[in-house]
PDB file of N, CA and C in Angstrom:
ATOM      1  N   MET A   1      47.677  41.166 -20.102  1.00  0.00           N
ATOM      2  CA  MET A   1      46.374  40.790 -20.628  1.00  0.00           C
ATOM      3  C   MET A   1      45.459  40.448 -19.448  1.00  0.00           C
ATOM      4  N   GLY A   2      44.278  41.017 -19.464  1.00  0.00           N
ATOM      5  CA  GLY A   2      43.345  40.805 -18.364  1.00  0.00           C
ATOM      6  C   GLY A   2      42.629  39.467 -18.471  1.00  0.00           C
ATOM      7  N   VAL A   3      42.077  39.056 -17.357  1.00  0.00           N
ATOM      8  CA  VAL A   3      41.340  37.799 -17.311  1.00  0.00           C
ATOM      9  C   VAL A   3      39.897  38.077 -17.713  1.00  0.00           C
ATOM     10  N   THR A   4      39.439  37.367 -18.698  1.00  0.00           N
ATOM     11  CA  THR A   4      38.044  37.521 -19.123  1.00  0.00           C
ATOM     12  C   THR A   4      37.349  36.173 -19.012  1.00  0.00           C
ATOM     13  N   ARG A   5      36.083  36.216 -18.667  1.00  0.00           N
ATOM     14  CA  ARG A   5      35.297  34.991 -18.569  1.00  0.00           C
ATOM     15  C   ARG A   5      34.577  34.777 -19.894  1.00  0.00           C
ATOM     16  N   LEU A   6      34.642  33.576 -20.382  1.00  0.00           N
ATOM     17  CA  LEU A   6      33.865  33.230 -21.562  1.00  0.00           C
ATOM     18  C   LEU A   6      32.495  32.780 -21.065  1.00  0.00           C
ATOM     19  N   LYS A   7      31.542  33.679 -21.126  1.00  0.00           N
ATOM     20  CA  LYS A   7      30.240  33.444 -20.490  1.00  0.00           C
ATOM     21  C   LYS A   7      29.505  32.260 -21.103  1.00  0.00           C
ATOM     22  N   ARG A   8      29.543  32.168 -22.436  1.00  0.00           N
ATOM     23  CA  ARG A   8      28.809  31.087 -23.084  1.00  0.00           C
ATOM     24  C   ARG A   8      29.434  29.737 -22.726  1.00  0.00           C
ATOM     25  N   LYS A   9      30.757  29.673 -22.731  1.00  0.00           N
ATOM     26  CA  LYS A   9      31.443  28.424 -22.391  1.00  0.00           C
ATOM     27  C   LYS A   9      31.208  28.081 -20.917  1.00  0.00           C
ATOM     28  N   ASP A  10      31.192  29.082 -20.066  1.00  0.00           N
ATOM     29  CA  ASP A  10      30.949  28.868 -18.637  1.00  0.00           C
ATOM     30  C   ASP A  10      29.563  28.266 -18.412  1.00  0.00           C
ATOM     31  N   ARG A  11      28.565  28.829 -19.094  1.00  0.00           N
ATOM     32  CA  ARG A  11      27.191  28.293 -18.979  1.00  0.00           C
ATOM     33  C   ARG A  11      27.122  26.860 -19.475  1.00  0.00           C
ATOM     34  N   ARG A  12      27.804  26.593 -20.589  1.00  0.00           N
ATOM     35  CA  ARG A  12      27.781  25.252 -21.167  1.00  0.00           C
ATOM     36  C   ARG A  12      28.441  24.249 -20.221  1.00  0.00           C
ATOM     37  N   ASN A  13      29.557  24.630 -19.600  1.00  0.00           N
ATOM     38  CA  ASN A  13      30.228  23.730 -18.665  1.00  0.00           C
ATOM     39  C   ASN A  13      29.356  23.442 -17.450  1.00  0.00           C
ATOM     40  N   LYS A  14      28.691  24.470 -16.922  1.00  0.00           N
ATOM     41  CA  LYS A  14      27.816  24.276 -15.764  1.00  0.00           C
ATOM     42  C   LYS A  14      26.628  23.389 -16.126  1.00  0.00           C
ATOM     43  N   ALA A  15      26.092  23.559 -17.337  1.00  0.00           N
ATOM     44  CA  ALA A  15      24.965  22.746 -17.775  1.00  0.00           C
ATOM     45  C   ALA A  15      25.384  21.284 -17.926  1.00  0.00           C
ATOM     46  N   LYS A  16      26.598  21.051 -18.469  1.00  0.00           N
ATOM     47  CA  LYS A  16      27.089  19.676 -18.613  1.00  0.00           C
ATOM     48  C   LYS A  16      27.223  19.009 -17.246  1.00  0.00           C
ATOM     49  N   ALA A  17      27.792  19.748 -16.297  1.00  0.00           N
ATOM     50  CA  ALA A  17      27.982  19.183 -14.954  1.00  0.00           C
ATOM     51  C   ALA A  17      26.637  18.879 -14.307  1.00  0.00           C
ATOM     52  N   ALA A  18      25.689  19.800 -14.432  1.00  0.00           N
ATOM     53  CA  ALA A  18      24.374  19.597 -13.823  1.00  0.00           C
ATOM     54  C   ALA A  18      23.667  18.407 -14.460  1.00  0.00           C
ATOM     55  N   ASN A  19      23.779  18.272 -15.776  1.00  0.00           N
ATOM     56  CA  ASN A  19      23.141  17.141 -16.460  1.00  0.00           C
ATOM     57  C   ASN A  19      23.783  15.828 -16.056  1.00  0.00           C
ATOM     58  N   ARG A  20      25.107  15.832 -15.864  1.00  0.00           N
ATOM     59  CA  ARG A  20      25.792  14.615 -15.450  1.00  0.00           C
ATOM     60  C   ARG A  20      25.328  14.187 -14.056  1.00  0.00           C
ATOM     61  N   VAL A  21      25.227  15.144 -13.139  1.00  0.00           N
ATOM     62  CA  VAL A  21      24.767  14.827 -11.783  1.00  0.00           C
ATOM     63  C   VAL A  21      23.332  14.314 -11.821  1.00  0.00           C
ATOM     64  N   LYS A  22      22.489  14.957 -12.623  1.00  0.00           N
ATOM     65  CA  LYS A  22      21.090  14.544 -12.731  1.00  0.00           C
ATOM     66  C   LYS A  22      20.989  13.132 -13.300  1.00  0.00           C
ATOM     67  N   ARG A  23      21.819  12.819 -14.307  1.00  0.00           N
ATOM     68  CA  ARG A  23      21.789  11.495 -14.920  1.00  0.00           C
ATOM     69  C   ARG A  23      22.253  10.438 -13.925  1.00  0.00           C
ATOM     70  N   ILE A  24      23.287  10.725 -13.140  1.00  0.00           N
ATOM     71  CA  ILE A  24      23.782   9.770 -12.148  1.00  0.00           C
ATOM     72  C   ILE A  24      22.711   9.512 -11.095  1.00  0.00           C
ATOM     73  N   LYS A  25      22.044  10.580 -10.624  1.00  0.00           N
ATOM     74  CA  LYS A  25      20.980  10.409  -9.637  1.00  0.00           C
ATOM     75  C   LYS A  25      19.844   9.581 -10.202  1.00  0.00           C
ATOM     76  N   GLN A  26      19.509   9.822 -11.482  1.00  0.00           N
ATOM     77  CA  GLN A  26      18.409   9.093 -12.110  1.00  0.00           C
ATOM     78  C   GLN A  26      18.753   7.608 -12.251  1.00  0.00           C
ATOM     79  N   LEU A  27      20.005   7.305 -12.596  1.00  0.00           N
ATOM     80  CA  LEU A  27      20.402   5.909 -12.770  1.00  0.00           C
ATOM     81  C   LEU A  27      20.498   5.167 -11.447  1.00  0.00           C
ATOM     82  N   SER A  28      20.854   5.880 -10.392  1.00  0.00           N
ATOM     83  CA  SER A  28      21.011   5.214  -9.105  1.00  0.00           C
ATOM     84  C   SER A  28      19.745   5.276  -8.255  1.00  0.00           C
ATOM     85  N   TRP A  29      18.669   5.839  -8.797  1.00  0.00           N
ATOM     86  CA  TRP A  29      17.415   5.961  -8.056  1.00  0.00           C
ATOM     87  C   TRP A  29      16.782   4.594  -7.877  1.00  0.00           C
ATOM     88  N   ARG A  30      16.310   4.346  -6.678  1.00  0.00           N
ATOM     89  CA  ARG A  30      15.606   3.092  -6.397  1.00  0.00           C
ATOM     90  C   ARG A  30      14.255   3.423  -5.784  1.00  0.00           C
ATOM     91  N   PRO A  31      13.215   2.720  -6.172  1.00  0.00           N
ATOM     92  CA  PRO A  31      11.892   3.022  -5.640  1.00  0.00           C
ATOM     93  C   PRO A  31      11.790   2.714  -4.150  1.00  0.00           C
ATOM     94  N   VAL A  32      10.956   3.470  -3.472  1.00  0.00           N
ATOM     95  CA  VAL A  32      10.738   3.272  -2.045  1.00  0.00           C
ATOM     96  C   VAL A  32       9.723   2.152  -1.875  1.00  0.00           C
ATOM     97  N   ILE A  33      10.043   1.185  -1.036  1.00  0.00           N
ATOM     98  CA  ILE A  33       9.125   0.078  -0.786  1.00  0.00           C
ATOM     99  C   ILE A  33       8.173   0.524   0.319  1.00  0.00           C
ATOM    100  N   LYS A  34       6.917   0.732  -0.047  1.00  0.00           N
ATOM    101  CA  LYS A  34       5.946   1.232   0.926  1.00  0.00           C
ATOM    102  C   LYS A  34       5.168   0.107   1.582  1.00  0.00           C
ATOM    103  N   LYS A  35       4.787  -0.880   0.797  1.00  0.00           N
ATOM    104  CA  LYS A  35       3.960  -1.955   1.337  1.00  0.00           C
ATOM    105  C   LYS A  35       4.637  -3.286   1.098  1.00  0.00           C
ATOM    106  N   LEU A  36       4.597  -4.135   2.082  1.00  0.00           N
ATOM    107  CA  LEU A  36       5.118  -5.484   1.954  1.00  0.00           C
ATOM    108  C   LEU A  36       3.956  -6.465   2.041  1.00  0.00           C
ATOM    109  N   GLU A  37       4.011  -7.471   1.209  1.00  0.00           N
ATOM    110  CA  GLU A  37       2.969  -8.494   1.270  1.00  0.00           C
ATOM    111  C   GLU A  37       3.303  -9.431   2.419  1.00  0.00           C
ATOM    112  N   LEU A  38       2.364  -9.589   3.324  1.00  0.00           N
ATOM    113  CA  LEU A  38       2.571 -10.470   4.463  1.00  0.00           C
ATOM    114  C   LEU A  38       1.836 -11.781   4.213  1.00  0.00           C
ATOM    115  N   THR A  39       2.514 -12.856   4.478  1.00  0.00           N
ATOM    116  CA  THR A  39       1.883 -14.151   4.315  1.00  0.00           C
ATOM    117  C   THR A  39       0.948 -14.393   5.502  1.00  0.00           C
ATOM    118  N   PRO A  40      -0.030 -15.253   5.365  1.00  0.00           N
ATOM    119  CA  PRO A  40      -0.961 -15.510   6.474  1.00  0.00           C
ATOM    120  C   PRO A  40      -0.261 -16.024   7.725  1.00  0.00           C
ATOM    121  N   GLU A  41       0.850 -16.777   7.560  1.00  0.00           N
ATOM    122  CA  GLU A  41       1.558 -17.299   8.726  1.00  0.00           C
ATOM    123  C   GLU A  41       2.151 -16.161   9.555  1.00  0.00           C
ATOM    124  N   VAL A  42       2.668 -15.164   8.867  1.00  0.00           N
ATOM    125  CA  VAL A  42       3.294 -14.045   9.567  1.00  0.00           C
ATOM    126  C   VAL A  42       2.239 -13.251  10.326  1.00  0.00           C
ATOM    127  N   THR A  43       1.110 -12.970   9.692  1.00  0.00           N
ATOM    128  CA  THR A  43       0.074 -12.194  10.369  1.00  0.00           C
ATOM    129  C   THR A  43      -0.515 -12.984  11.534  1.00  0.00           C
ATOM    130  N   ALA A  44      -0.637 -14.307  11.382  1.00  0.00           N
ATOM    131  CA  ALA A  44      -1.172 -15.136  12.460  1.00  0.00           C
ATOM    132  C   ALA A  44      -0.228 -15.125  13.657  1.00  0.00           C
ATOM    133  N   SER A  45       1.076 -15.201  13.404  1.00  0.00           N
ATOM    134  CA  SER A  45       2.030 -15.194  14.514  1.00  0.00           C
ATOM    135  C   SER A  45       2.043 -13.831  15.200  1.00  0.00           C
ATOM    136  N   GLN A  46       1.853 -12.766  14.446  1.00  0.00           N
ATOM    137  CA  GLN A  46       1.805 -11.432  15.043  1.00  0.00           C
ATOM    138  C   GLN A  46       0.564 -11.284  15.921  1.00  0.00           C
ATOM    139  N   GLU A  47      -0.546 -11.869  15.495  1.00  0.00           N
ATOM    140  CA  GLU A  47      -1.769 -11.799  16.294  1.00  0.00           C
ATOM    141  C   GLU A  47      -1.604 -12.585  17.589  1.00  0.00           C
ATOM    142  N   GLU A  48      -0.912 -13.720  17.506  1.00  0.00           N
ATOM    143  CA  GLU A  48      -0.671 -14.514  18.717  1.00  0.00           C
ATOM    144  C   GLU A  48       0.187 -13.744  19.708  1.00  0.00           C
ATOM    145  N   VAL A  49       1.208 -13.052  19.212  1.00  0.00           N
ATOM    146  CA  VAL A  49       2.078 -12.258  20.082  1.00  0.00           C
ATOM    147  C   VAL A  49       1.285 -11.128  20.732  1.00  0.00           C
ATOM    148  N   ALA A  50       0.439 -10.477  19.945  1.00  0.00           N
ATOM    149  CA  ALA A  50      -0.372  -9.394  20.477  1.00  0.00           C
ATOM    150  C   ALA A  50      -1.340  -9.897  21.534  1.00  0.00           C
ATOM    151  N   ALA A  51      -1.940 -11.075  21.289  1.00  0.00           N
ATOM    152  CA  ALA A  51      -2.877 -11.643  22.246  1.00  0.00           C
ATOM    153  C   ALA A  51      -2.170 -12.021  23.541  1.00  0.00           C
ATOM    154  N   SER A  52      -0.967 -12.564  23.438  1.00  0.00           N
ATOM    155  CA  SER A  52      -0.239 -12.972  24.641  1.00  0.00           C
ATOM    156  C   SER A  52       0.197 -11.741  25.459  1.00  0.00           C
ATOM    157  N   GLN A  53       0.461 -10.650  24.793  1.00  0.00           N
ATOM    158  CA  GLN A  53       0.868  -9.433  25.492  1.00  0.00           C
ATOM    159  C   GLN A  53      -0.334  -8.804  26.208  1.00  0.00           C
ATOM    160  N   GLU A  54      -1.497  -8.936  25.624  1.00  0.00           N
ATOM    161  CA  GLU A  54      -2.708  -8.381  26.251  1.00  0.00           C
ATOM    162  C   GLU A  54      -3.088  -9.160  27.507  1.00  0.00           C
ATOM    163  N   GLU A  55      -2.818 -10.455  27.512  1.00  0.00           N
ATOM    164  CA  GLU A  55      -3.162 -11.293  28.662  1.00  0.00           C
ATOM    165  C   GLU A  55      -2.311 -10.953  29.877  1.00  0.00           C
ATOM    166  N   GLU A  56      -1.100 -10.480  29.665  1.00  0.00           N
ATOM    167  CA  GLU A  56      -0.182 -10.211  30.772  1.00  0.00           C
ATOM    168  C   GLU A  56      -0.553  -8.987  31.531  1.00  0.00           C
TER     169      GLU A  56
END
């Protein structure tokens, strides 16, 4: 008996696997943090460091 591929079942299995991978990626996705809120103390200390470096 020859080997035959069940095309419909093959497509269904590939679709299940692809959907599972897509679902895992979607659940583990985390947003990229683009901007951080800086407190005035932090920005003031950064300005002091920049000023001291310019003096040298």
